[in-house]
Amino acid sequence: SDWLFPLCTGAERLTDGDGDKVHPTQKPEALLHRIF
């Protein structure tokens, strides 16, 4: 019940035209992949 995943970064992190995060707490897809 302890899972090691990195924060959502790199190409997976959605950014706007200025390079800022679209959402401040976007979760990594790996986390949802395991849950599903």
Full PDB file with SEQRES, HELIX, SHEET, SSBOND, CRYST1, ORIGX, SCALE, CONECT and MASTER records, all heavy atoms in Angstrom:
SEQRES   1 A   36  SER ASP TRP LEU PHE PRO LEU CYS THR GLY ALA GLU ARG          
SEQRES   2 A   36  LEU THR ASP GLY ASP GLY ASP LYS VAL HIS PRO THR GLN          
SEQRES   3 A   36  LYS PRO GLU ALA LEU LEU HIS ARG ILE PHE                      
HELIX    1 AA1 GLY A   10  GLU A   12  5                                   3    
HELIX    2 AA2 GLU A   29  ILE A   35  1                                   7    
CRYST1    1.000    1.000    1.000  90.00  90.00  90.00 P 1           1          
ORIGX1      1.000000  0.000000  0.000000        0.00000                         
ORIGX2      0.000000  1.000000  0.000000        0.00000                         
ORIGX3      0.000000  0.000000  1.000000        0.00000                         
SCALE1      1.000000  0.000000  0.000000        0.00000                         
SCALE2      0.000000  1.000000  0.000000        0.00000                         
SCALE3      0.000000  0.000000  1.000000        0.00000                         
ATOM      1  N   SER A   1       0.805  -1.221   0.000  1.00  0.00           N  
ATOM      2  CA  SER A   1       0.000   0.000   0.000  1.00  0.00           C  
ATOM      3  C   SER A   1       0.837   1.270   0.000  1.00  0.00           C  
ATOM      4  O   SER A   1       0.309   2.354   0.254  1.00  0.00           O  
ATOM      5  CB  SER A   1      -0.935   0.005   1.218  1.00  0.00           C  
ATOM      6  OG  SER A   1      -0.180  -0.016   2.416  1.00  0.00           O  
ATOM      7  N   ASP A   2       2.129   1.158  -0.302  1.00  0.00           N  
ATOM      8  CA  ASP A   2       2.953   2.352  -0.504  1.00  0.00           C  
ATOM      9  C   ASP A   2       3.453   2.330  -1.949  1.00  0.00           C  
ATOM     10  O   ASP A   2       4.135   1.413  -2.360  1.00  0.00           O  
ATOM     11  CB  ASP A   2       4.114   2.431   0.497  1.00  0.00           C  
ATOM     12  CG  ASP A   2       4.946   1.157   0.560  1.00  0.00           C  
ATOM     13  OD1 ASP A   2       4.423   0.077   0.197  1.00  0.00           O  
ATOM     14  OD2 ASP A   2       6.115   1.225   0.967  1.00  0.00           O  
ATOM     15  N   TRP A   3       3.067   3.351  -2.691  1.00  0.00           N  
ATOM     16  CA  TRP A   3       3.343   3.407  -4.129  1.00  0.00           C  
ATOM     17  C   TRP A   3       4.304   4.551  -4.422  1.00  0.00           C  
ATOM     18  O   TRP A   3       4.115   5.676  -3.951  1.00  0.00           O  
ATOM     19  CB  TRP A   3       2.061   3.627  -4.919  1.00  0.00           C  
ATOM     20  CG  TRP A   3       1.024   2.562  -4.737  1.00  0.00           C  
ATOM     21  CD1 TRP A   3       1.152   1.366  -4.089  1.00  0.00           C  
ATOM     22  CD2 TRP A   3      -0.322   2.607  -5.234  1.00  0.00           C  
ATOM     23  NE1 TRP A   3      -0.025   0.663  -4.148  1.00  0.00           N  
ATOM     24  CE2 TRP A   3      -0.947   1.390  -4.845  1.00  0.00           C  
ATOM     25  CE3 TRP A   3      -1.048   3.537  -5.967  1.00  0.00           C  
ATOM     26  CZ2 TRP A   3      -2.275   1.103  -5.162  1.00  0.00           C  
ATOM     27  CZ3 TRP A   3      -2.369   3.256  -6.293  1.00  0.00           C  
ATOM     28  CH2 TRP A   3      -2.972   2.047  -5.888  1.00  0.00           C  
ATOM     29  N   LEU A   4       5.315   4.271  -5.223  1.00  0.00           N  
ATOM     30  CA  LEU A   4       6.312   5.279  -5.593  1.00  0.00           C  
ATOM     31  C   LEU A   4       6.088   5.719  -7.034  1.00  0.00           C  
ATOM     32  O   LEU A   4       6.234   4.929  -7.959  1.00  0.00           O  
ATOM     33  CB  LEU A   4       7.729   4.714  -5.424  1.00  0.00           C  
ATOM     34  CG  LEU A   4       8.883   5.653  -5.777  1.00  0.00           C  
ATOM     35  CD1 LEU A   4       8.915   6.845  -4.823  1.00  0.00           C  
ATOM     36  CD2 LEU A   4      10.213   4.910  -5.747  1.00  0.00           C  
ATOM     37  N   PHE A   5       5.695   6.975  -7.206  1.00  0.00           N  
ATOM     38  CA  PHE A   5       5.535   7.567  -8.534  1.00  0.00           C  
ATOM     39  C   PHE A   5       6.061   9.002  -8.477  1.00  0.00           C  
ATOM     40  O   PHE A   5       5.926   9.682  -7.455  1.00  0.00           O  
ATOM     41  CB  PHE A   5       4.058   7.633  -8.949  1.00  0.00           C  
ATOM     42  CG  PHE A   5       3.425   6.305  -9.230  1.00  0.00           C  
ATOM     43  CD1 PHE A   5       2.433   5.805  -8.400  1.00  0.00           C  
ATOM     44  CD2 PHE A   5       3.794   5.557 -10.334  1.00  0.00           C  
ATOM     45  CE1 PHE A   5       1.830   4.595  -8.650  1.00  0.00           C  
ATOM     46  CE2 PHE A   5       3.192   4.342 -10.600  1.00  0.00           C  
ATOM     47  CZ  PHE A   5       2.211   3.856  -9.758  1.00  0.00           C  
ATOM     48  N   PRO A   6       6.632   9.485  -9.576  1.00  0.00           N  
ATOM     49  CA  PRO A   6       7.030  10.895  -9.610  1.00  0.00           C  
ATOM     50  C   PRO A   6       5.828  11.808  -9.803  1.00  0.00           C  
ATOM     51  O   PRO A   6       4.759  11.377 -10.234  1.00  0.00           O  
ATOM     52  CB  PRO A   6       7.975  10.970 -10.815  1.00  0.00           C  
ATOM     53  CG  PRO A   6       7.500   9.868 -11.717  1.00  0.00           C  
ATOM     54  CD  PRO A   6       7.016   8.771 -10.814  1.00  0.00           C  
ATOM     55  N   LEU A   7       6.003  13.067  -9.465  1.00  0.00           N  
ATOM     56  CA  LEU A   7       5.003  14.083  -9.771  1.00  0.00           C  
ATOM     57  C   LEU A   7       4.814  14.181 -11.285  1.00  0.00           C  
ATOM     58  O   LEU A   7       5.671  13.748 -12.057  1.00  0.00           O  
ATOM     59  CB  LEU A   7       5.439  15.440  -9.225  1.00  0.00           C  
ATOM     60  CG  LEU A   7       5.454  15.629  -7.711  1.00  0.00           C  
ATOM     61  CD1 LEU A   7       6.219  16.893  -7.358  1.00  0.00           C  
ATOM     62  CD2 LEU A   7       4.032  15.717  -7.182  1.00  0.00           C  
ATOM     63  N   CYS A   8       3.713  14.747 -11.676  1.00  0.00           N  
ATOM     64  CA  CYS A   8       3.442  14.933 -13.107  1.00  0.00           C  
ATOM     65  C   CYS A   8       4.359  16.029 -13.654  1.00  0.00           C  
ATOM     66  O   CYS A   8       4.252  17.196 -13.251  1.00  0.00           O  
ATOM     67  CB  CYS A   8       1.985  15.315 -13.310  1.00  0.00           C  
ATOM     68  SG  CYS A   8       1.532  15.511 -15.031  1.00  0.00           S  
ATOM     69  N   THR A   9       5.282  15.643 -14.524  1.00  0.00           N  
ATOM     70  CA  THR A   9       6.243  16.597 -15.088  1.00  0.00           C  
ATOM     71  C   THR A   9       6.437  16.309 -16.581  1.00  0.00           C  
ATOM     72  O   THR A   9       5.822  15.403 -17.137  1.00  0.00           O  
ATOM     73  CB  THR A   9       7.606  16.489 -14.377  1.00  0.00           C  
ATOM     74  OG1 THR A   9       8.079  15.131 -14.496  1.00  0.00           O  
ATOM     75  CG2 THR A   9       7.496  16.856 -12.907  1.00  0.00           C  
ATOM     76  N   GLY A  10       7.308  17.070 -17.194  1.00  0.00           N  
ATOM     77  CA  GLY A  10       7.692  16.817 -18.581  1.00  0.00           C  
ATOM     78  C   GLY A  10       6.550  16.976 -19.557  1.00  0.00           C  
ATOM     79  O   GLY A  10       5.655  17.799 -19.380  1.00  0.00           O  
ATOM     80  N   ALA A  11       6.545  16.123 -20.581  1.00  0.00           N  
ATOM     81  CA  ALA A  11       5.562  16.239 -21.650  1.00  0.00           C  
ATOM     82  C   ALA A  11       4.144  15.964 -21.170  1.00  0.00           C  
ATOM     83  O   ALA A  11       3.174  16.446 -21.761  1.00  0.00           O  
ATOM     84  CB  ALA A  11       5.924  15.268 -22.776  1.00  0.00           C  
ATOM     85  N   GLU A  12       4.015  15.206 -20.086  1.00  0.00           N  
ATOM     86  CA  GLU A  12       2.677  14.891 -19.572  1.00  0.00           C  
ATOM     87  C   GLU A  12       2.021  16.108 -18.927  1.00  0.00           C  
ATOM     88  O   GLU A  12       0.793  16.224 -18.915  1.00  0.00           O  
ATOM     89  CB  GLU A  12       2.766  13.751 -18.564  1.00  0.00           C  
ATOM     90  CG  GLU A  12       1.411  13.237 -18.105  1.00  0.00           C  
ATOM     91  CD  GLU A  12       1.530  12.124 -17.079  1.00  0.00           C  
ATOM     92  OE1 GLU A  12       2.481  11.308 -17.188  1.00  0.00           O  
ATOM     93  OE2 GLU A  12       0.686  12.072 -16.163  1.00  0.00           O  
ATOM     94  N   ARG A  13       2.807  17.015 -18.391  1.00  0.00           N  
ATOM     95  CA  ARG A  13       2.265  18.194 -17.720  1.00  0.00           C  
ATOM     96  C   ARG A  13       1.702  19.169 -18.755  1.00  0.00           C  
ATOM     97  O   ARG A  13       2.404  19.614 -19.653  1.00  0.00           O  
ATOM     98  CB  ARG A  13       3.367  18.875 -16.906  1.00  0.00           C  
ATOM     99  CG  ARG A  13       3.041  20.246 -16.391  1.00  0.00           C  
ATOM    100  CD  ARG A  13       1.914  20.243 -15.375  1.00  0.00           C  
ATOM    101  NE  ARG A  13       2.351  19.814 -14.064  1.00  0.00           N  
ATOM    102  CZ  ARG A  13       1.607  19.886 -12.965  1.00  0.00           C  
ATOM    103  NH1 ARG A  13       0.367  20.372 -13.052  1.00  0.00           N  
ATOM    104  NH2 ARG A  13       2.048  19.453 -11.814  1.00  0.00           N  
ATOM    105  N   LEU A  14       0.419  19.499 -18.631  1.00  0.00           N  
ATOM    106  CA  LEU A  14      -0.216  20.418 -19.570  1.00  0.00           C  
ATOM    107  C   LEU A  14       0.176  21.850 -19.232  1.00  0.00           C  
ATOM    108  O   LEU A  14       0.100  22.270 -18.074  1.00  0.00           O  
ATOM    109  CB  LEU A  14      -1.728  20.276 -19.520  1.00  0.00           C  
ATOM    110  CG  LEU A  14      -2.315  18.895 -19.848  1.00  0.00           C  
ATOM    111  CD1 LEU A  14      -3.840  18.990 -19.910  1.00  0.00           C  
ATOM    112  CD2 LEU A  14      -1.756  18.345 -21.145  1.00  0.00           C  
ATOM    113  N   THR A  15       0.580  22.602 -20.258  1.00  0.00           N  
ATOM    114  CA  THR A  15       0.952  24.007 -20.071  1.00  0.00           C  
ATOM    115  C   THR A  15       0.209  24.868 -21.083  1.00  0.00           C  
ATOM    116  O   THR A  15      -0.250  24.398 -22.123  1.00  0.00           O  
ATOM    117  CB  THR A  15       2.470  24.201 -20.244  1.00  0.00           C  
ATOM    118  OG1 THR A  15       2.872  23.701 -21.541  1.00  0.00           O  
ATOM    119  CG2 THR A  15       3.245  23.458 -19.166  1.00  0.00           C  
ATOM    120  N   ASP A  16       0.112  26.149 -20.747  1.00  0.00           N  
ATOM    121  CA  ASP A  16      -0.563  27.080 -21.656  1.00  0.00           C  
ATOM    122  C   ASP A  16       0.446  27.712 -22.614  1.00  0.00           C  
ATOM    123  O   ASP A  16       1.611  27.311 -22.658  1.00  0.00           O  
ATOM    124  CB  ASP A  16      -1.329  28.149 -20.864  1.00  0.00           C  
ATOM    125  CG  ASP A  16      -0.428  28.969 -19.955  1.00  0.00           C  
ATOM    126  OD1 ASP A  16       0.809  29.012 -20.197  1.00  0.00           O  
ATOM    127  OD2 ASP A  16      -0.945  29.578 -18.994  1.00  0.00           O  
ATOM    128  N   GLY A  17       0.007  28.718 -23.353  1.00  0.00           N  
ATOM    129  CA  GLY A  17       0.868  29.350 -24.344  1.00  0.00           C  
ATOM    130  C   GLY A  17       2.074  30.042 -23.754  1.00  0.00           C  
ATOM    131  O   GLY A  17       3.084  30.246 -24.438  1.00  0.00           O  
ATOM    132  N   ASP A  18       2.015  30.374 -22.457  1.00  0.00           N  
ATOM    133  CA  ASP A  18       3.139  31.030 -21.783  1.00  0.00           C  
ATOM    134  C   ASP A  18       4.041  30.046 -21.065  1.00  0.00           C  
ATOM    135  O   ASP A  18       4.991  30.446 -20.389  1.00  0.00           O  
ATOM    136  CB  ASP A  18       2.613  32.058 -20.776  1.00  0.00           C  
ATOM    137  CG  ASP A  18       1.837  33.177 -21.454  1.00  0.00           C  
ATOM    138  OD1 ASP A  18       2.234  33.567 -22.570  1.00  0.00           O  
ATOM    139  OD2 ASP A  18       0.835  33.645 -20.870  1.00  0.00           O  
ATOM    140  N   GLY A  19       3.728  28.763 -21.178  1.00  0.00           N  
ATOM    141  CA  GLY A  19       4.539  27.750 -20.514  1.00  0.00           C  
ATOM    142  C   GLY A  19       4.151  27.520 -19.067  1.00  0.00           C  
ATOM    143  O   GLY A  19       4.834  26.779 -18.352  1.00  0.00           O  
ATOM    144  N   ASP A  20       3.056  28.131 -18.611  1.00  0.00           N  
ATOM    145  CA  ASP A  20       2.601  27.945 -17.232  1.00  0.00           C  
ATOM    146  C   ASP A  20       1.700  26.713 -17.131  1.00  0.00           C  
ATOM    147  O   ASP A  20       1.035  26.326 -18.097  1.00  0.00           O  
ATOM    148  CB  ASP A  20       1.822  29.181 -16.763  1.00  0.00           C  
ATOM    149  CG  ASP A  20       2.686  30.435 -16.715  1.00  0.00           C  
ATOM    150  OD1 ASP A  20       3.881  30.305 -16.372  1.00  0.00           O  
ATOM    151  OD2 ASP A  20       2.167  31.528 -17.038  1.00  0.00           O  
ATOM    152  N   LYS A  21       1.646  26.117 -15.941  1.00  0.00           N  
ATOM    153  CA  LYS A  21       0.791  24.957 -15.726  1.00  0.00           C  
ATOM    154  C   LYS A  21      -0.672  25.333 -15.971  1.00  0.00           C  
ATOM    155  O   LYS A  21      -1.144  26.351 -15.489  1.00  0.00           O  
ATOM    156  CB  LYS A  21       0.934  24.451 -14.289  1.00  0.00           C  
ATOM    157  CG  LYS A  21       2.326  24.004 -13.894  1.00  0.00           C  
ATOM    158  CD  LYS A  21       2.352  23.654 -12.410  1.00  0.00           C  
ATOM    159  CE  LYS A  21       3.755  23.292 -11.937  1.00  0.00           C  
ATOM    160  NZ  LYS A  21       3.781  23.049 -10.464  1.00  0.00           N  
ATOM    161  N   VAL A  22      -1.374  24.461 -16.688  1.00  0.00           N  
ATOM    162  CA  VAL A  22      -2.811  24.679 -16.871  1.00  0.00           C  
ATOM    163  C   VAL A  22      -3.543  24.415 -15.557  1.00  0.00           C  
ATOM    164  O   VAL A  22      -4.472  25.132 -15.195  1.00  0.00           O  
ATOM    165  CB  VAL A  22      -3.358  23.766 -17.988  1.00  0.00           C  
ATOM    166  CG1 VAL A  22      -4.884  23.892 -18.080  1.00  0.00           C  
ATOM    167  CG2 VAL A  22      -2.719  24.121 -19.324  1.00  0.00           C  
ATOM    168  N   HIS A  23      -3.109  23.390 -14.842  1.00  0.00           N  
ATOM    169  CA  HIS A  23      -3.730  23.021 -13.558  1.00  0.00           C  
ATOM    170  C   HIS A  23      -2.620  22.810 -12.536  1.00  0.00           C  
ATOM    171  O   HIS A  23      -1.635  22.130 -12.820  1.00  0.00           O  
ATOM    172  CB  HIS A  23      -4.559  21.741 -13.721  1.00  0.00           C  
ATOM    173  CG  HIS A  23      -5.498  21.462 -12.590  1.00  0.00           C  
ATOM    174  ND1 HIS A  23      -5.062  21.096 -11.341  1.00  0.00           N  
ATOM    175  CD2 HIS A  23      -6.854  21.493 -12.523  1.00  0.00           C  
ATOM    176  CE1 HIS A  23      -6.104  20.909 -10.547  1.00  0.00           C  
ATOM    177  NE2 HIS A  23      -7.212  21.152 -11.241  1.00  0.00           N  
ATOM    178  N   PRO A  24      -2.754  23.355 -11.322  1.00  0.00           N  
ATOM    179  CA  PRO A  24      -1.652  23.280 -10.360  1.00  0.00           C  
ATOM    180  C   PRO A  24      -1.431  21.909  -9.750  1.00  0.00           C  
ATOM    181  O   PRO A  24      -0.337  21.631  -9.246  1.00  0.00           O  
ATOM    182  CB  PRO A  24      -2.069  24.283  -9.274  1.00  0.00           C  
ATOM    183  CG  PRO A  24      -3.557  24.327  -9.355  1.00  0.00           C  
ATOM    184  CD  PRO A  24      -3.881  24.168 -10.813  1.00  0.00           C  
ATOM    185  N   THR A  25      -2.463  21.035  -9.757  1.00  0.00           N  
ATOM    186  CA  THR A  25      -2.313  19.742  -9.084  1.00  0.00           C  
ATOM    187  C   THR A  25      -2.621  18.577 -10.021  1.00  0.00           C  
ATOM    188  O   THR A  25      -3.227  17.586  -9.614  1.00  0.00           O  
ATOM    189  CB  THR A  25      -3.220  19.655  -7.834  1.00  0.00           C  
ATOM    190  OG1 THR A  25      -4.597  19.762  -8.240  1.00  0.00           O  
ATOM    191  CG2 THR A  25      -2.893  20.759  -6.852  1.00  0.00           C  
ATOM    192  N   GLN A  26      -2.200  18.672 -11.263  1.00  0.00           N  
ATOM    193  CA  GLN A  26      -2.424  17.585 -12.219  1.00  0.00           C  
ATOM    194  C   GLN A  26      -1.744  16.314 -11.725  1.00  0.00           C  
ATOM    195  O   GLN A  26      -0.559  16.315 -11.385  1.00  0.00           O  
ATOM    196  CB  GLN A  26      -1.862  17.977 -13.587  1.00  0.00           C  
ATOM    197  CG  GLN A  26      -2.074  16.918 -14.671  1.00  0.00           C  
ATOM    198  CD  GLN A  26      -1.463  17.335 -16.001  1.00  0.00           C  
ATOM    199  OE1 GLN A  26      -1.303  18.525 -16.290  1.00  0.00           O  
ATOM    200  NE2 GLN A  26      -1.101  16.362 -16.821  1.00  0.00           N  
ATOM    201  N   LYS A  27      -2.486  15.222 -11.682  1.00  0.00           N  
ATOM    202  CA  LYS A  27      -1.967  13.953 -11.175  1.00  0.00           C  
ATOM    203  C   LYS A  27      -1.292  13.163 -12.293  1.00  0.00           C  
ATOM    204  O   LYS A  27      -1.690  13.251 -13.461  1.00  0.00           O  
ATOM    205  CB  LYS A  27      -3.094  13.122 -10.555  1.00  0.00           C  
ATOM    206  CG  LYS A  27      -3.716  13.743  -9.313  1.00  0.00           C  
ATOM    207  CD  LYS A  27      -2.689  13.965  -8.208  1.00  0.00           C  
ATOM    208  CE  LYS A  27      -3.289  14.551  -6.945  1.00  0.00           C  
ATOM    209  NZ  LYS A  27      -3.661  15.969  -7.087  1.00  0.00           N  
ATOM    210  N   PRO A  28      -0.277  12.363 -11.959  1.00  0.00           N  
ATOM    211  CA  PRO A  28       0.393  11.560 -12.993  1.00  0.00           C  
ATOM    212  C   PRO A  28      -0.520  10.444 -13.486  1.00  0.00           C  
ATOM    213  O   PRO A  28      -1.259   9.822 -12.713  1.00  0.00           O  
ATOM    214  CB  PRO A  28       1.616  10.991 -12.253  1.00  0.00           C  
ATOM    215  CG  PRO A  28       1.228  10.988 -10.812  1.00  0.00           C  
ATOM    216  CD  PRO A  28       0.332  12.175 -10.622  1.00  0.00           C  
ATOM    217  N   GLU A  29      -0.462  10.180 -14.770  1.00  0.00           N  
ATOM    218  CA  GLU A  29      -1.294   9.126 -15.342  1.00  0.00           C  
ATOM    219  C   GLU A  29      -0.945   7.761 -14.757  1.00  0.00           C  
ATOM    220  O   GLU A  29      -1.815   6.879 -14.663  1.00  0.00           O  
ATOM    221  CB  GLU A  29      -1.152   9.114 -16.866  1.00  0.00           C  
ATOM    222  CG  GLU A  29      -1.767  10.336 -17.535  1.00  0.00           C  
ATOM    223  CD  GLU A  29      -1.804  10.229 -19.050  1.00  0.00           C  
ATOM    224  OE1 GLU A  29      -1.487   9.134 -19.579  1.00  0.00           O  
ATOM    225  OE2 GLU A  29      -2.171  11.227 -19.711  1.00  0.00           O  
ATOM    226  N   ALA A  30       0.300   7.562 -14.355  1.00  0.00           N  
ATOM    227  CA  ALA A  30       0.698   6.272 -13.786  1.00  0.00           C  
ATOM    228  C   ALA A  30      -0.122   5.920 -12.556  1.00  0.00           C  
ATOM    229  O   ALA A  30      -0.452   4.749 -12.321  1.00  0.00           O  
ATOM    230  CB  ALA A  30       2.182   6.300 -13.422  1.00  0.00           C  
ATOM    231  N   LEU A  31      -0.479   6.913 -11.768  1.00  0.00           N  
ATOM    232  CA  LEU A  31      -1.267   6.686 -10.560  1.00  0.00           C  
ATOM    233  C   LEU A  31      -2.655   6.160 -10.906  1.00  0.00           C  
ATOM    234  O   LEU A  31      -3.138   5.176 -10.328  1.00  0.00           O  
ATOM    235  CB  LEU A  31      -1.378   7.989  -9.773  1.00  0.00           C  
ATOM    236  CG  LEU A  31      -1.998   7.922  -8.375  1.00  0.00           C  
ATOM    237  CD1 LEU A  31      -1.109   7.141  -7.429  1.00  0.00           C  
ATOM    238  CD2 LEU A  31      -2.225   9.333  -7.841  1.00  0.00           C  
ATOM    239  N   LEU A  32      -3.304   6.787 -11.879  1.00  0.00           N  
ATOM    240  CA  LEU A  32      -4.638   6.342 -12.308  1.00  0.00           C  
ATOM    241  C   LEU A  32      -4.574   5.002 -13.028  1.00  0.00           C  
ATOM    242  O   LEU A  32      -5.487   4.173 -12.912  1.00  0.00           O  
ATOM    243  CB  LEU A  32      -5.275   7.396 -13.208  1.00  0.00           C  
ATOM    244  CG  LEU A  32      -6.020   8.551 -12.533  1.00  0.00           C  
ATOM    245  CD1 LEU A  32      -7.220   8.043 -11.747  1.00  0.00           C  
ATOM    246  CD2 LEU A  32      -5.125   9.362 -11.619  1.00  0.00           C  
ATOM    247  N   HIS A  33      -3.496   4.778 -13.764  1.00  0.00           N  
ATOM    248  CA  HIS A  33      -3.298   3.504 -14.462  1.00  0.00           C  
ATOM    249  C   HIS A  33      -3.338   2.351 -13.459  1.00  0.00           C  
ATOM    250  O   HIS A  33      -4.024   1.343 -13.675  1.00  0.00           O  
ATOM    251  CB  HIS A  33      -1.965   3.532 -15.206  1.00  0.00           C  
ATOM    252  CG  HIS A  33      -1.700   2.328 -16.051  1.00  0.00           C  
ATOM    253  ND1 HIS A  33      -1.778   2.329 -17.421  1.00  0.00           N  
ATOM    254  CD2 HIS A  33      -1.351   1.059 -15.722  1.00  0.00           C  
ATOM    255  CE1 HIS A  33      -1.490   1.136 -17.898  1.00  0.00           C  
ATOM    256  NE2 HIS A  33      -1.227   0.343 -16.874  1.00  0.00           N  
ATOM    257  N   ARG A  34      -2.636   2.506 -12.348  1.00  0.00           N  
ATOM    258  CA  ARG A  34      -2.611   1.435 -11.344  1.00  0.00           C  
ATOM    259  C   ARG A  34      -3.981   1.262 -10.694  1.00  0.00           C  
ATOM    260  O   ARG A  34      -4.444   0.135 -10.484  1.00  0.00           O  
ATOM    261  CB  ARG A  34      -1.559   1.712 -10.279  1.00  0.00           C  
ATOM    262  CG  ARG A  34      -1.518   0.635  -9.192  1.00  0.00           C  
ATOM    263  CD  ARG A  34      -0.321   0.764  -8.287  1.00  0.00           C  
ATOM    264  NE  ARG A  34       0.927   0.502  -8.989  1.00  0.00           N  
ATOM    265  CZ  ARG A  34       2.136   0.544  -8.412  1.00  0.00           C  
ATOM    266  NH1 ARG A  34       2.245   0.853  -7.125  1.00  0.00           N  
ATOM    267  NH2 ARG A  34       3.214   0.301  -9.121  1.00  0.00           N  
ATOM    268  N   ILE A  35      -4.624   2.358 -10.366  1.00  0.00           N  
ATOM    269  CA  ILE A  35      -5.936   2.284  -9.714  1.00  0.00           C  
ATOM    270  C   ILE A  35      -6.947   1.572 -10.605  1.00  0.00           C  
ATOM    271  O   ILE A  35      -7.704   0.699 -10.146  1.00  0.00           O  
ATOM    272  CB  ILE A  35      -6.422   3.695  -9.339  1.00  0.00           C  
ATOM    273  CG1 ILE A  35      -5.602   4.235  -8.163  1.00  0.00           C  
ATOM    274  CG2 ILE A  35      -7.907   3.693  -8.999  1.00  0.00           C  
ATOM    275  CD1 ILE A  35      -5.853   5.692  -7.849  1.00  0.00           C  
ATOM    276  N   PHE A  36      -6.974   1.926 -11.884  1.00  0.00           N  
ATOM    277  CA  PHE A  36      -7.949   1.310 -12.791  1.00  0.00           C  
ATOM    278  C   PHE A  36      -7.633  -0.165 -13.029  1.00  0.00           C  
ATOM    279  O   PHE A  36      -8.539  -1.005 -13.066  1.00  0.00           O  
ATOM    280  CB  PHE A  36      -7.991   2.056 -14.121  1.00  0.00           C  
ATOM    281  CG  PHE A  36      -8.573   3.444 -14.023  1.00  0.00           C  
ATOM    282  CD1 PHE A  36      -8.504   4.316 -15.088  1.00  0.00           C  
ATOM    283  CD2 PHE A  36      -9.180   3.884 -12.857  1.00  0.00           C  
ATOM    284  CE1 PHE A  36      -9.042   5.590 -15.005  1.00  0.00           C  
ATOM    285  CE2 PHE A  36      -9.717   5.162 -12.758  1.00  0.00           C  
ATOM    286  CZ  PHE A  36      -9.643   6.014 -13.835  1.00  0.00           C  
TER     287      PHE A  36                                                      
MASTER        0    0    0    2    0    0    0    6  286    1    0    3          
END                                                                             
